[in-house]
């Protein structure tokens, strides 16, 4: 006679592991990494390698100190390192970049129990902390295709030009689509980010619900406020955040309706911050704020238990 085994959900079996999922994300980020090196030069590769190395070492050492099972092999720390680098300017000091990796892994991730336990995105939270700690260095933008190290030409980002209202010429849509503009390493080339997003959706690593809803909400609100919706989508970290960070498994909702509410909130906050706040960019703060609200959103948008209505009707009949 076969044993009847009772266990907790989920009951579906899959060949996917954390490592394979993280490897897919790394592959999806590869076009953006390559584009960053082409646009900003070899220093971009140095920053990426620095943040990845910092995250790996931070995870290894913190797990040893906390006497917990090593999780470096699941590659989640590598993904955090790459995403952190994608949110940094190429002019940032490698020491500051490495410090950001320590914050992301030790403070935001491991102090809350490790992968699956952190309630906010580690890379974005580290970026916010660095922005508030080193504001001048985190907003020193280098002109694209200027690969000199010592006397690189500084420039303004499209969002900076819009926010300051100086009348300076904005880059064309084509330049922004291809990445020929100032900004963080991973946010300038929309083409590379879209290719990565298509790969993740095709591999079923992420659902298109959050990215599409996020971008659509931002575009609609941008138009209602008299802004340029396409400029808002192509500029700043909107595509990077919508595709790679708002979809983080740990910090985003599970069910469909909660995902929609979460993504709408991200889109609304992003545009409101861009329009009314002193900062030209709002993606990082928007996603982190909505990360914090995820438990409440999931409680409000909790799906109905199967058979609940039927049982209620049966009780009323009695």
C-alpha atoms as a PDB file:
ATOM      1  CA  UNK A   1       0.000   0.000   0.000  1.00  0.00           C
ATOM      2  CA  UNK A   2       1.365   3.443  -0.964  1.00  0.00           C
ATOM      3  CA  UNK A   3       2.015   5.974   1.757  1.00  0.00           C
ATOM      4  CA  UNK A   4      -0.253   8.977   1.938  1.00  0.00           C
ATOM      5  CA  UNK A   5       2.077  11.911   2.587  1.00  0.00           C
ATOM      6  CA  UNK A   6       0.703  15.175   3.914  1.00  0.00           C
ATOM      7  CA  UNK A   7       2.881  18.247   3.497  1.00  0.00           C
ATOM      8  CA  UNK A   8       2.573  22.017   3.309  1.00  0.00           C
ATOM      9  CA  UNK A   9       2.134  23.793  -0.014  1.00  0.00           C
ATOM     10  CA  UNK A  10       3.272  24.399  -2.668  1.00  0.00           C
ATOM     11  CA  UNK A  11       2.744  20.950  -4.146  1.00  0.00           C
ATOM     12  CA  UNK A  12       4.003  21.651  -7.663  1.00  0.00           C
ATOM     13  CA  UNK A  13       7.409  20.319  -8.596  1.00  0.00           C
ATOM     14  CA  UNK A  14       9.748  22.278 -10.830  1.00  0.00           C
ATOM     15  CA  UNK A  15      13.271  21.914 -12.136  1.00  0.00           C
ATOM     16  CA  UNK A  16      13.848  25.618 -11.498  1.00  0.00           C
ATOM     17  CA  UNK A  17      16.062  26.503  -8.549  1.00  0.00           C
ATOM     18  CA  UNK A  18      17.153  29.820  -7.079  1.00  0.00           C
ATOM     19  CA  UNK A  19      20.445  29.417  -8.911  1.00  0.00           C
ATOM     20  CA  UNK A  20      18.854  28.855 -12.328  1.00  0.00           C
ATOM     21  CA  UNK A  21      16.477  31.788 -11.835  1.00  0.00           C
ATOM     22  CA  UNK A  22      19.321  34.082 -10.795  1.00  0.00           C
ATOM     23  CA  UNK A  23      21.381  32.906 -13.761  1.00  0.00           C
ATOM     24  CA  UNK A  24      18.506  33.884 -16.060  1.00  0.00           C
ATOM     25  CA  UNK A  25      18.419  37.349 -14.495  1.00  0.00           C
ATOM     26  CA  UNK A  26      22.177  37.712 -14.978  1.00  0.00           C
ATOM     27  CA  UNK A  27      21.811  36.711 -18.630  1.00  0.00           C
ATOM     28  CA  UNK A  28      18.962  39.208 -19.028  1.00  0.00           C
ATOM     29  CA  UNK A  29      21.168  41.940 -17.549  1.00  0.00           C
ATOM     30  CA  UNK A  30      24.075  41.092 -19.872  1.00  0.00           C
ATOM     31  CA  UNK A  31      22.906  43.380 -22.732  1.00  0.00           C
ATOM     32  CA  UNK A  32      22.697  46.299 -20.277  1.00  0.00           C
ATOM     33  CA  UNK A  33      26.158  45.499 -18.904  1.00  0.00           C
ATOM     34  CA  UNK A  34      27.641  45.338 -22.392  1.00  0.00           C
ATOM     35  CA  UNK A  35      25.897  48.579 -23.351  1.00  0.00           C
ATOM     36  CA  UNK A  36      27.265  50.316 -20.240  1.00  0.00           C
ATOM     37  CA  UNK A  37      30.843  49.400 -21.183  1.00  0.00           C
ATOM     38  CA  UNK A  38      30.306  50.563 -24.776  1.00  0.00           C
ATOM     39  CA  UNK A  39      28.721  53.839 -23.655  1.00  0.00           C
ATOM     40  CA  UNK A  40      30.872  54.706 -20.632  1.00  0.00           C
ATOM     41  CA  UNK A  41      34.074  52.771 -21.247  1.00  0.00           C
ATOM     42  CA  UNK A  42      36.166  50.252 -19.333  1.00  0.00           C
ATOM     43  CA  UNK A  43      35.500  51.995 -16.004  1.00  0.00           C
ATOM     44  CA  UNK A  44      31.922  50.695 -16.168  1.00  0.00           C
ATOM     45  CA  UNK A  45      33.250  47.129 -16.070  1.00  0.00           C
ATOM     46  CA  UNK A  46      35.390  48.057 -13.050  1.00  0.00           C
ATOM     47  CA  UNK A  47      32.352  49.342 -11.156  1.00  0.00           C
ATOM     48  CA  UNK A  48      30.322  46.211 -12.020  1.00  0.00           C
ATOM     49  CA  UNK A  49      33.113  43.877 -10.925  1.00  0.00           C
ATOM     50  CA  UNK A  50      33.631  45.899  -7.737  1.00  0.00           C
ATOM     51  CA  UNK A  51      29.987  45.741  -6.616  1.00  0.00           C
ATOM     52  CA  UNK A  52      29.680  42.047  -7.509  1.00  0.00           C
ATOM     53  CA  UNK A  53      32.880  41.185  -5.618  1.00  0.00           C
ATOM     54  CA  UNK A  54      31.745  43.264  -2.639  1.00  0.00           C
ATOM     55  CA  UNK A  55      28.358  41.515  -2.534  1.00  0.00           C
ATOM     56  CA  UNK A  56      29.891  38.039  -2.815  1.00  0.00           C
ATOM     57  CA  UNK A  57      32.426  38.700  -0.040  1.00  0.00           C
ATOM     58  CA  UNK A  58      29.789  40.360   2.152  1.00  0.00           C
ATOM     59  CA  UNK A  59      27.449  37.398   1.790  1.00  0.00           C
ATOM     60  CA  UNK A  60      30.191  34.840   2.441  1.00  0.00           C
ATOM     61  CA  UNK A  61      31.609  36.606   5.495  1.00  0.00           C
ATOM     62  CA  UNK A  62      28.236  37.500   7.018  1.00  0.00           C
ATOM     63  CA  UNK A  63      26.968  33.920   6.664  1.00  0.00           C
ATOM     64  CA  UNK A  64      30.153  32.641   8.323  1.00  0.00           C
ATOM     65  CA  UNK A  65      29.871  35.141  11.184  1.00  0.00           C
ATOM     66  CA  UNK A  66      26.184  34.338  11.677  1.00  0.00           C
ATOM     67  CA  UNK A  67      26.959  30.602  11.471  1.00  0.00           C
ATOM     68  CA  UNK A  68      24.388  30.028   8.766  1.00  0.00           C
ATOM     69  CA  UNK A  69      24.448  27.815   5.702  1.00  0.00           C
ATOM     70  CA  UNK A  70      26.372  29.398   2.820  1.00  0.00           C
ATOM     71  CA  UNK A  71      24.156  30.816   0.063  1.00  0.00           C
ATOM     72  CA  UNK A  72      26.771  32.363  -2.216  1.00  0.00           C
ATOM     73  CA  UNK A  73      26.204  29.562  -4.714  1.00  0.00           C
ATOM     74  CA  UNK A  74      22.588  30.558  -5.385  1.00  0.00           C
ATOM     75  CA  UNK A  75      23.921  33.643  -7.254  1.00  0.00           C
ATOM     76  CA  UNK A  76      21.429  36.022  -5.628  1.00  0.00           C
ATOM     77  CA  UNK A  77      24.312  38.114  -4.284  1.00  0.00           C
ATOM     78  CA  UNK A  78      25.733  38.364  -7.817  1.00  0.00           C
ATOM     79  CA  UNK A  79      22.390  39.680  -9.101  1.00  0.00           C
ATOM     80  CA  UNK A  80      22.312  42.235  -6.275  1.00  0.00           C
ATOM     81  CA  UNK A  81      25.831  43.339  -7.174  1.00  0.00           C
ATOM     82  CA  UNK A  82      24.984  43.791 -10.854  1.00  0.00           C
ATOM     83  CA  UNK A  83      21.745  45.664 -10.096  1.00  0.00           C
ATOM     84  CA  UNK A  84      23.565  47.943  -7.671  1.00  0.00           C
ATOM     85  CA  UNK A  85      26.168  48.750 -10.327  1.00  0.00           C
ATOM     86  CA  UNK A  86      23.415  49.462 -12.845  1.00  0.00           C
ATOM     87  CA  UNK A  87      22.122  52.123 -10.417  1.00  0.00           C
ATOM     88  CA  UNK A  88      25.457  53.929 -10.021  1.00  0.00           C
ATOM     89  CA  UNK A  89      27.163  56.606 -12.140  1.00  0.00           C
ATOM     90  CA  UNK A  90      30.377  55.571 -13.871  1.00  0.00           C
ATOM     91  CA  UNK A  91      32.258  58.340 -12.053  1.00  0.00           C
ATOM     92  CA  UNK A  92      31.580  56.836  -8.617  1.00  0.00           C
ATOM     93  CA  UNK A  93      34.573  55.789  -6.542  1.00  0.00           C
ATOM     94  CA  UNK A  94      35.086  51.997  -6.398  1.00  0.00           C
ATOM     95  CA  UNK A  95      35.352  52.342  -2.610  1.00  0.00           C
ATOM     96  CA  UNK A  96      31.870  53.873  -2.426  1.00  0.00           C
ATOM     97  CA  UNK A  97      30.567  51.228  -4.830  1.00  0.00           C
ATOM     98  CA  UNK A  98      32.011  48.481  -2.602  1.00  0.00           C
ATOM     99  CA  UNK A  99      30.466  50.132   0.450  1.00  0.00           C
ATOM    100  CA  UNK A 100      27.110  50.000  -1.308  1.00  0.00           C
ATOM    101  CA  UNK A 101      27.539  46.250  -1.751  1.00  0.00           C
ATOM    102  CA  UNK A 102      28.132  45.802   1.970  1.00  0.00           C
ATOM    103  CA  UNK A 103      24.982  47.781   2.783  1.00  0.00           C
ATOM    104  CA  UNK A 104      22.874  45.819   0.296  1.00  0.00           C
ATOM    105  CA  UNK A 105      23.956  42.388   1.524  1.00  0.00           C
ATOM    106  CA  UNK A 106      24.758  42.766   5.214  1.00  0.00           C
ATOM    107  CA  UNK A 107      22.289  45.433   6.325  1.00  0.00           C
ATOM    108  CA  UNK A 108      19.330  44.988   3.979  1.00  0.00           C
ATOM    109  CA  UNK A 109      19.507  41.254   3.249  1.00  0.00           C
ATOM    110  CA  UNK A 110      21.393  39.190   5.837  1.00  0.00           C
ATOM    111  CA  UNK A 111      20.348  41.089   8.959  1.00  0.00           C
ATOM    112  CA  UNK A 112      16.759  40.186   8.097  1.00  0.00           C
ATOM    113  CA  UNK A 113      17.541  36.501   7.572  1.00  0.00           C
ATOM    114  CA  UNK A 114      18.937  36.243   4.054  1.00  0.00           C
ATOM    115  CA  UNK A 115      17.299  35.584   0.717  1.00  0.00           C
ATOM    116  CA  UNK A 116      13.516  35.592   0.896  1.00  0.00           C
ATOM    117  CA  UNK A 117      13.435  37.442   4.235  1.00  0.00           C
ATOM    118  CA  UNK A 118      14.317  41.016   3.246  1.00  0.00           C
ATOM    119  CA  UNK A 119      11.258  43.250   2.858  1.00  0.00           C
ATOM    120  CA  UNK A 120      12.824  45.862   0.565  1.00  0.00           C
ATOM    121  CA  UNK A 121      14.993  45.556  -2.539  1.00  0.00           C
ATOM    122  CA  UNK A 122      18.665  45.427  -1.415  1.00  0.00           C
ATOM    123  CA  UNK A 123      20.179  47.149  -4.464  1.00  0.00           C
ATOM    124  CA  UNK A 124      17.688  50.034  -4.468  1.00  0.00           C
ATOM    125  CA  UNK A 125      17.924  50.537  -0.709  1.00  0.00           C
ATOM    126  CA  UNK A 126      21.710  50.650  -0.964  1.00  0.00           C
ATOM    127  CA  UNK A 127      21.410  53.217  -3.744  1.00  0.00           C
ATOM    128  CA  UNK A 128      19.117  55.407  -1.615  1.00  0.00           C
ATOM    129  CA  UNK A 129      21.574  55.250   1.295  1.00  0.00           C
ATOM    130  CA  UNK A 130      24.467  56.153  -0.997  1.00  0.00           C
ATOM    131  CA  UNK A 131      22.421  58.990  -2.519  1.00  0.00           C
ATOM    132  CA  UNK A 132      21.847  60.487   0.925  1.00  0.00           C
ATOM    133  CA  UNK A 133      25.416  59.839   2.094  1.00  0.00           C
ATOM    134  CA  UNK A 134      27.288  60.989  -1.026  1.00  0.00           C
ATOM    135  CA  UNK A 135      24.845  63.198  -2.976  1.00  0.00           C
ATOM    136  CA  UNK A 136      27.462  65.045  -5.032  1.00  0.00           C
ATOM    137  CA  UNK A 137      29.296  61.887  -6.094  1.00  0.00           C
ATOM    138  CA  UNK A 138      26.061  60.010  -6.838  1.00  0.00           C
ATOM    139  CA  UNK A 139      24.871  62.767  -9.181  1.00  0.00           C
ATOM    140  CA  UNK A 140      28.116  63.390 -11.087  1.00  0.00           C
ATOM    141  CA  UNK A 141      27.110  62.249 -14.565  1.00  0.00           C
ATOM    142  CA  UNK A 142      29.671  61.545 -17.272  1.00  0.00           C
ATOM    143  CA  UNK A 143      28.942  62.300 -20.903  1.00  0.00           C
ATOM    144  CA  UNK A 144      28.372  59.167 -23.026  1.00  0.00           C
ATOM    145  CA  UNK A 145      31.145  57.939 -25.275  1.00  0.00           C
ATOM    146  CA  UNK A 146      33.675  59.980 -23.265  1.00  0.00           C
ATOM    147  CA  UNK A 147      36.066  57.260 -22.148  1.00  0.00           C
ATOM    148  CA  UNK A 148      38.757  59.459 -20.607  1.00  0.00           C
ATOM    149  CA  UNK A 149      39.379  58.767 -16.932  1.00  0.00           C
ATOM    150  CA  UNK A 150      41.020  61.923 -15.629  1.00  0.00           C
ATOM    151  CA  UNK A 151      39.195  64.746 -17.425  1.00  0.00           C
ATOM    152  CA  UNK A 152      35.868  63.227 -18.394  1.00  0.00           C
ATOM    153  CA  UNK A 153      33.227  65.720 -19.482  1.00  0.00           C
ATOM    154  CA  UNK A 154      30.265  66.050 -17.140  1.00  0.00           C
ATOM    155  CA  UNK A 155      26.721  66.296 -18.396  1.00  0.00           C
ATOM    156  CA  UNK A 156      23.127  66.449 -17.189  1.00  0.00           C
ATOM    157  CA  UNK A 157      20.636  63.631 -17.433  1.00  0.00           C
ATOM    158  CA  UNK A 158      17.386  64.179 -19.393  1.00  0.00           C
ATOM    159  CA  UNK A 159      15.430  64.218 -16.124  1.00  0.00           C
ATOM    160  CA  UNK A 160      17.875  66.766 -14.719  1.00  0.00           C
ATOM    161  CA  UNK A 161      17.315  69.048 -17.705  1.00  0.00           C
ATOM    162  CA  UNK A 162      13.525  68.717 -17.334  1.00  0.00           C
ATOM    163  CA  UNK A 163      13.653  69.334 -13.586  1.00  0.00           C
ATOM    164  CA  UNK A 164      15.924  72.374 -13.743  1.00  0.00           C
ATOM    165  CA  UNK A 165      14.010  73.916 -16.653  1.00  0.00           C
ATOM    166  CA  UNK A 166      17.146  75.572 -18.005  1.00  0.00           C
ATOM    167  CA  UNK A 167      16.031  75.275 -21.606  1.00  0.00           C
ATOM    168  CA  UNK A 168      18.973  73.033 -22.459  1.00  0.00           C
ATOM    169  CA  UNK A 169      18.474  70.736 -25.415  1.00  0.00           C
ATOM    170  CA  UNK A 170      17.069  67.319 -24.600  1.00  0.00           C
ATOM    171  CA  UNK A 171      18.443  64.221 -26.339  1.00  0.00           C
ATOM    172  CA  UNK A 172      16.361  62.703 -29.092  1.00  0.00           C
ATOM    173  CA  UNK A 173      14.184  59.662 -28.523  1.00  0.00           C
ATOM    174  CA  UNK A 174      16.635  57.623 -30.617  1.00  0.00           C
ATOM    175  CA  UNK A 175      19.590  58.709 -28.479  1.00  0.00           C
ATOM    176  CA  UNK A 176      17.712  57.731 -25.335  1.00  0.00           C
ATOM    177  CA  UNK A 177      16.626  54.423 -26.838  1.00  0.00           C
ATOM    178  CA  UNK A 178      20.229  53.551 -27.729  1.00  0.00           C
ATOM    179  CA  UNK A 179      21.795  55.008 -24.574  1.00  0.00           C
ATOM    180  CA  UNK A 180      23.564  58.043 -25.974  1.00  0.00           C
ATOM    181  CA  UNK A 181      22.837  60.153 -22.902  1.00  0.00           C
ATOM    182  CA  UNK A 182      24.009  60.677 -19.352  1.00  0.00           C
ATOM    183  CA  UNK A 183      22.793  58.603 -16.430  1.00  0.00           C
ATOM    184  CA  UNK A 184      23.527  55.528 -14.334  1.00  0.00           C
ATOM    185  CA  UNK A 185      25.289  52.583 -15.930  1.00  0.00           C
ATOM    186  CA  UNK A 186      22.201  50.487 -16.547  1.00  0.00           C
ATOM    187  CA  UNK A 187      19.471  53.041 -17.130  1.00  0.00           C
ATOM    188  CA  UNK A 188      20.532  54.772 -20.334  1.00  0.00           C
ATOM    189  CA  UNK A 189      20.132  52.106 -23.038  1.00  0.00           C
ATOM    190  CA  UNK A 190      16.415  51.308 -23.285  1.00  0.00           C
ATOM    191  CA  UNK A 191      17.048  48.771 -26.053  1.00  0.00           C
ATOM    192  CA  UNK A 192      19.265  46.623 -23.829  1.00  0.00           C
ATOM    193  CA  UNK A 193      16.748  46.715 -20.972  1.00  0.00           C
ATOM    194  CA  UNK A 194      13.813  45.786 -23.212  1.00  0.00           C
ATOM    195  CA  UNK A 195      15.766  42.852 -24.653  1.00  0.00           C
ATOM    196  CA  UNK A 196      16.458  41.658 -21.116  1.00  0.00           C
ATOM    197  CA  UNK A 197      12.803  42.027 -20.183  1.00  0.00           C
ATOM    198  CA  UNK A 198      11.656  40.033 -23.209  1.00  0.00           C
ATOM    199  CA  UNK A 199      14.086  37.263 -22.258  1.00  0.00           C
ATOM    200  CA  UNK A 200      12.787  37.102 -18.674  1.00  0.00           C
ATOM    201  CA  UNK A 201       9.154  36.979 -19.800  1.00  0.00           C
ATOM    202  CA  UNK A 202       9.923  34.352 -22.454  1.00  0.00           C
ATOM    203  CA  UNK A 203      11.693  32.229 -19.847  1.00  0.00           C
ATOM    204  CA  UNK A 204       8.762  32.797 -17.455  1.00  0.00           C
ATOM    205  CA  UNK A 205      11.103  34.153 -14.818  1.00  0.00           C
ATOM    206  CA  UNK A 206       8.858  37.198 -14.427  1.00  0.00           C
ATOM    207  CA  UNK A 207       5.259  37.969 -15.321  1.00  0.00           C
ATOM    208  CA  UNK A 208       4.632  40.973 -17.593  1.00  0.00           C
ATOM    209  CA  UNK A 209       1.879  42.215 -15.250  1.00  0.00           C
ATOM    210  CA  UNK A 210       4.071  44.401 -13.030  1.00  0.00           C
ATOM    211  CA  UNK A 211       6.335  45.930 -15.731  1.00  0.00           C
ATOM    212  CA  UNK A 212       3.483  46.656 -18.155  1.00  0.00           C
ATOM    213  CA  UNK A 213       1.182  48.086 -15.459  1.00  0.00           C
ATOM    214  CA  UNK A 214       4.017  50.144 -13.967  1.00  0.00           C
ATOM    215  CA  UNK A 215       5.011  51.658 -17.327  1.00  0.00           C
ATOM    216  CA  UNK A 216       1.409  52.207 -18.454  1.00  0.00           C
ATOM    217  CA  UNK A 217       0.484  53.967 -15.194  1.00  0.00           C
ATOM    218  CA  UNK A 218       3.554  56.196 -15.403  1.00  0.00           C
ATOM    219  CA  UNK A 219       2.787  57.062 -19.037  1.00  0.00           C
ATOM    220  CA  UNK A 220      -0.878  57.921 -18.342  1.00  0.00           C
ATOM    221  CA  UNK A 221      -0.112  60.087 -15.309  1.00  0.00           C
ATOM    222  CA  UNK A 222       2.750  61.755 -17.179  1.00  0.00           C
ATOM    223  CA  UNK A 223       0.346  62.730 -19.967  1.00  0.00           C
ATOM    224  CA  UNK A 224      -2.272  63.971 -17.492  1.00  0.00           C
ATOM    225  CA  UNK A 225       0.334  66.237 -15.866  1.00  0.00           C
ATOM    226  CA  UNK A 226       1.368  67.662 -19.237  1.00  0.00           C
ATOM    227  CA  UNK A 227       4.684  65.850 -19.368  1.00  0.00           C
ATOM    228  CA  UNK A 228       6.108  63.814 -22.249  1.00  0.00           C
ATOM    229  CA  UNK A 229       5.159  60.151 -21.518  1.00  0.00           C
ATOM    230  CA  UNK A 230       7.748  58.676 -23.897  1.00  0.00           C
ATOM    231  CA  UNK A 231      10.468  60.884 -22.426  1.00  0.00           C
ATOM    232  CA  UNK A 232       9.501  59.737 -18.930  1.00  0.00           C
ATOM    233  CA  UNK A 233       9.620  56.071 -19.928  1.00  0.00           C
ATOM    234  CA  UNK A 234      12.952  56.297 -21.733  1.00  0.00           C
ATOM    235  CA  UNK A 235      14.694  58.527 -19.183  1.00  0.00           C
ATOM    236  CA  UNK A 236      15.993  57.717 -15.740  1.00  0.00           C
ATOM    237  CA  UNK A 237      15.657  54.281 -14.190  1.00  0.00           C
ATOM    238  CA  UNK A 238      12.014  53.615 -15.067  1.00  0.00           C
ATOM    239  CA  UNK A 239      12.641  50.700 -17.443  1.00  0.00           C
ATOM    240  CA  UNK A 240      15.391  49.275 -15.244  1.00  0.00           C
ATOM    241  CA  UNK A 241      13.203  49.475 -12.151  1.00  0.00           C
ATOM    242  CA  UNK A 242      10.014  48.196 -13.795  1.00  0.00           C
ATOM    243  CA  UNK A 243      11.657  45.167 -15.407  1.00  0.00           C
ATOM    244  CA  UNK A 244      14.352  44.096 -12.970  1.00  0.00           C
ATOM    245  CA  UNK A 245      13.573  45.459  -9.493  1.00  0.00           C
ATOM    246  CA  UNK A 246       9.839  45.946  -9.094  1.00  0.00           C
ATOM    247  CA  UNK A 247       9.508  42.271 -10.106  1.00  0.00           C
ATOM    248  CA  UNK A 248      11.791  40.965  -7.358  1.00  0.00           C
ATOM    249  CA  UNK A 249      10.200  37.757  -6.002  1.00  0.00           C
ATOM    250  CA  UNK A 250      10.829  38.550  -2.341  1.00  0.00           C
ATOM    251  CA  UNK A 251       9.568  42.127  -2.265  1.00  0.00           C
ATOM    252  CA  UNK A 252       6.672  42.040  -4.770  1.00  0.00           C
ATOM    253  CA  UNK A 253       3.135  40.599  -4.367  1.00  0.00           C
ATOM    254  CA  UNK A 254       2.131  37.110  -5.449  1.00  0.00           C
ATOM    255  CA  UNK A 255      -1.448  37.235  -6.719  1.00  0.00           C
ATOM    256  CA  UNK A 256      -2.606  39.122  -9.823  1.00  0.00           C
ATOM    257  CA  UNK A 257      -4.763  41.841  -8.279  1.00  0.00           C
ATOM    258  CA  UNK A 258      -2.120  42.676  -5.668  1.00  0.00           C
ATOM    259  CA  UNK A 259       0.498  42.939  -8.414  1.00  0.00           C
ATOM    260  CA  UNK A 260      -1.666  45.405 -10.314  1.00  0.00           C
ATOM    261  CA  UNK A 261      -2.215  47.584  -7.221  1.00  0.00           C
ATOM    262  CA  UNK A 262       1.496  47.428  -6.411  1.00  0.00           C
ATOM    263  CA  UNK A 263       2.550  48.377  -9.955  1.00  0.00           C
ATOM    264  CA  UNK A 264       0.017  51.212 -10.163  1.00  0.00           C
ATOM    265  CA  UNK A 265       1.382  52.560  -6.891  1.00  0.00           C
ATOM    266  CA  UNK A 266       4.938  52.419  -8.234  1.00  0.00           C
ATOM    267  CA  UNK A 267       3.928  54.273 -11.395  1.00  0.00           C
ATOM    268  CA  UNK A 268       1.960  56.978  -9.586  1.00  0.00           C
ATOM    269  CA  UNK A 269       4.691  57.634  -7.012  1.00  0.00           C
ATOM    270  CA  UNK A 270       7.417  57.740  -9.657  1.00  0.00           C
ATOM    271  CA  UNK A 271       5.737  60.459 -11.699  1.00  0.00           C
ATOM    272  CA  UNK A 272       4.573  62.441  -8.663  1.00  0.00           C
ATOM    273  CA  UNK A 273       8.131  62.515  -7.309  1.00  0.00           C
ATOM    274  CA  UNK A 274       9.479  63.535 -10.706  1.00  0.00           C
ATOM    275  CA  UNK A 275       6.882  66.289 -11.047  1.00  0.00           C
ATOM    276  CA  UNK A 276       6.686  67.774  -7.563  1.00  0.00           C
ATOM    277  CA  UNK A 277       9.716  66.677  -5.504  1.00  0.00           C
ATOM    278  CA  UNK A 278      13.137  68.307  -5.470  1.00  0.00           C
ATOM    279  CA  UNK A 279      14.677  65.121  -6.883  1.00  0.00           C
ATOM    280  CA  UNK A 280      14.396  64.617 -10.661  1.00  0.00           C
ATOM    281  CA  UNK A 281      14.165  60.816 -10.270  1.00  0.00           C
ATOM    282  CA  UNK A 282      11.659  58.807  -8.241  1.00  0.00           C
ATOM    283  CA  UNK A 283      11.978  55.153  -9.231  1.00  0.00           C
ATOM    284  CA  UNK A 284      14.121  53.998  -6.297  1.00  0.00           C
ATOM    285  CA  UNK A 285      11.964  55.639  -3.634  1.00  0.00           C
ATOM    286  CA  UNK A 286       8.742  54.528  -5.314  1.00  0.00           C
ATOM    287  CA  UNK A 287       9.662  50.849  -5.469  1.00  0.00           C
ATOM    288  CA  UNK A 288      11.048  50.771  -1.917  1.00  0.00           C
ATOM    289  CA  UNK A 289       7.940  52.496  -0.540  1.00  0.00           C
ATOM    290  CA  UNK A 290       5.689  50.031  -2.347  1.00  0.00           C
ATOM    291  CA  UNK A 291       7.890  47.144  -1.103  1.00  0.00           C
ATOM    292  CA  UNK A 292       7.040  48.228   2.432  1.00  0.00           C
ATOM    293  CA  UNK A 293       3.323  48.264   1.592  1.00  0.00           C
ATOM    294  CA  UNK A 294       3.285  44.792  -0.004  1.00  0.00           C
ATOM    295  CA  UNK A 295       1.984  42.942   3.107  1.00  0.00           C
ATOM    296  CA  UNK A 296      -0.912  45.418   3.378  1.00  0.00           C
ATOM    297  CA  UNK A 297      -1.637  45.204  -0.359  1.00  0.00           C
ATOM    298  CA  UNK A 298      -1.722  41.403  -0.232  1.00  0.00           C
ATOM    299  CA  UNK A 299      -4.094  41.527   2.738  1.00  0.00           C
ATOM    300  CA  UNK A 300      -6.461  43.893   0.933  1.00  0.00           C
ATOM    301  CA  UNK A 301      -6.263  42.013  -2.371  1.00  0.00           C
ATOM    302  CA  UNK A 302      -6.354  38.563  -0.795  1.00  0.00           C
ATOM    303  CA  UNK A 303      -7.974  36.068  -3.202  1.00  0.00           C
ATOM    304  CA  UNK A 304     -11.160  34.402  -2.035  1.00  0.00           C
ATOM    305  CA  UNK A 305     -10.737  30.958  -0.520  1.00  0.00           C
ATOM    306  CA  UNK A 306     -11.978  28.205  -2.826  1.00  0.00           C
ATOM    307  CA  UNK A 307     -15.440  27.012  -1.742  1.00  0.00           C
ATOM    308  CA  UNK A 308     -16.014  29.881   0.680  1.00  0.00           C
ATOM    309  CA  UNK A 309     -19.053  31.286  -1.124  1.00  0.00           C
ATOM    310  CA  UNK A 310     -20.563  27.852  -1.557  1.00  0.00           C
ATOM    311  CA  UNK A 311     -20.198  27.108   2.141  1.00  0.00           C
ATOM    312  CA  UNK A 312     -21.712  30.484   3.025  1.00  0.00           C
ATOM    313  CA  UNK A 313     -24.748  29.873   0.795  1.00  0.00           C
ATOM    314  CA  UNK A 314     -25.237  26.443   2.343  1.00  0.00           C
ATOM    315  CA  UNK A 315     -25.184  28.002   5.792  1.00  0.00           C
ATOM    316  CA  UNK A 316     -27.722  30.644   4.786  1.00  0.00           C
ATOM    317  CA  UNK A 317     -30.010  27.954   3.386  1.00  0.00           C
ATOM    318  CA  UNK A 318     -30.091  26.242   6.759  1.00  0.00           C
END
